[in-house]
Amino acid sequence: MRDRFMSGMLTGGLIGATAGLFAYSRMSPRQRKRMMKRGNKMLKSAVSMMGMAQSMDMFK
């Protein structure tokens, strides 16, 4: 079950990254700057959530 979960997470991440790059290439420079600010904020919160999840032993 863990292998399926990890492969699903990896596949979803790749699909999300591809869609994000496509959307990013279609944006104006002003929209890009705004999205980079939002993306940095989301990335910081995701990293902190992963830290909490690992401390609770959710992925072991």
C-alpha atoms as a PDB file:
ATOM      1  CA  MET A   1       0.000   0.000   0.000  1.00  0.00           C
ATOM      2  CA  ARG A   2       2.830   2.366   0.799  1.00  0.00           C
ATOM      3  CA  ASP A   3       4.408   1.830  -2.633  1.00  0.00           C
ATOM      4  CA  ARG A   4       1.130   2.692  -4.364  1.00  0.00           C
ATOM      5  CA  PHE A   5       0.757   5.794  -2.208  1.00  0.00           C
ATOM      6  CA  MET A   6       4.261   7.007  -3.002  1.00  0.00           C
ATOM      7  CA  SER A   7       3.917   6.313  -6.732  1.00  0.00           C
ATOM      8  CA  GLY A   8       0.593   8.160  -6.736  1.00  0.00           C
ATOM      9  CA  MET A   9       2.144  11.112  -4.941  1.00  0.00           C
ATOM     10  CA  LEU A  10       5.033  11.164  -7.412  1.00  0.00           C
ATOM     11  CA  THR A  11       2.727  10.940 -10.428  1.00  0.00           C
ATOM     12  CA  GLY A  12       0.457  13.658  -9.060  1.00  0.00           C
ATOM     13  CA  GLY A  13       3.447  15.874  -8.387  1.00  0.00           C
ATOM     14  CA  LEU A  14       4.748  15.465 -11.926  1.00  0.00           C
ATOM     15  CA  ILE A  15       1.337  16.217 -13.433  1.00  0.00           C
ATOM     16  CA  GLY A  16       0.959  19.256 -11.187  1.00  0.00           C
ATOM     17  CA  ALA A  17       4.420  20.549 -12.057  1.00  0.00           C
ATOM     18  CA  THR A  18       3.765  20.135 -15.771  1.00  0.00           C
ATOM     19  CA  ALA A  19       0.446  21.964 -15.556  1.00  0.00           C
ATOM     20  CA  GLY A  20       2.060  24.687 -13.459  1.00  0.00           C
ATOM     21  CA  LEU A  21       4.847  25.242 -15.959  1.00  0.00           C
ATOM     22  CA  PHE A  22       2.361  25.444 -18.809  1.00  0.00           C
ATOM     23  CA  ALA A  23       0.248  27.977 -16.921  1.00  0.00           C
ATOM     24  CA  TYR A  24       3.368  29.942 -15.929  1.00  0.00           C
ATOM     25  CA  SER A  25       4.461  30.214 -19.554  1.00  0.00           C
ATOM     26  CA  ARG A  26       1.084  31.697 -20.500  1.00  0.00           C
ATOM     27  CA  MET A  27       1.136  34.449 -17.820  1.00  0.00           C
ATOM     28  CA  SER A  28       2.138  38.077 -18.117  1.00  0.00           C
ATOM     29  CA  PRO A  29       5.236  39.215 -16.178  1.00  0.00           C
ATOM     30  CA  ARG A  30       3.053  40.915 -13.567  1.00  0.00           C
ATOM     31  CA  GLN A  31       1.030  37.760 -12.983  1.00  0.00           C
ATOM     32  CA  ARG A  32       4.251  35.719 -12.764  1.00  0.00           C
ATOM     33  CA  LYS A  33       5.592  37.956 -10.011  1.00  0.00           C
ATOM     34  CA  ARG A  34       2.348  37.658  -8.044  1.00  0.00           C
ATOM     35  CA  MET A  35       2.295  33.863  -8.414  1.00  0.00           C
ATOM     36  CA  MET A  36       5.921  33.564  -7.295  1.00  0.00           C
ATOM     37  CA  LYS A  37       5.053  35.373  -4.073  1.00  0.00           C
ATOM     38  CA  ARG A  38       2.089  33.048  -3.481  1.00  0.00           C
ATOM     39  CA  GLY A  39       4.126  30.007  -4.422  1.00  0.00           C
ATOM     40  CA  ASN A  40       6.859  30.836  -1.933  1.00  0.00           C
ATOM     41  CA  LYS A  41       4.282  31.217   0.827  1.00  0.00           C
ATOM     42  CA  MET A  42       2.647  27.879  -0.070  1.00  0.00           C
ATOM     43  CA  LEU A  43       6.016  26.136  -0.276  1.00  0.00           C
ATOM     44  CA  LYS A  44       7.001  27.329   3.192  1.00  0.00           C
ATOM     45  CA  SER A  45       3.705  26.110   4.657  1.00  0.00           C
ATOM     46  CA  ALA A  46       4.022  22.736   2.877  1.00  0.00           C
ATOM     47  CA  VAL A  47       7.539  22.224   4.222  1.00  0.00           C
ATOM     48  CA  SER A  48       6.390  23.016   7.744  1.00  0.00           C
ATOM     49  CA  MET A  49       3.451  20.593   7.359  1.00  0.00           C
ATOM     50  CA  MET A  50       5.824  17.845   6.201  1.00  0.00           C
ATOM     51  CA  GLY A  51       7.997  18.518   9.234  1.00  0.00           C
ATOM     52  CA  MET A  52       4.969  18.120  11.510  1.00  0.00           C
ATOM     53  CA  ALA A  53       3.861  14.950   9.697  1.00  0.00           C
ATOM     54  CA  GLN A  54       7.302  13.385  10.067  1.00  0.00           C
ATOM     55  CA  SER A  55       7.440  14.257  13.728  1.00  0.00           C
ATOM     56  CA  MET A  56       4.109  12.450  14.208  1.00  0.00           C
ATOM     57  CA  ASP A  57       5.460   9.377  12.319  1.00  0.00           C
ATOM     58  CA  MET A  58       2.702   9.484   9.696  1.00  0.00           C
ATOM     59  CA  PHE A  59       4.932   8.270   6.857  1.00  0.00           C
ATOM     60  CA  LYS A  60       6.759   5.439   8.586  1.00  0.00           C
END
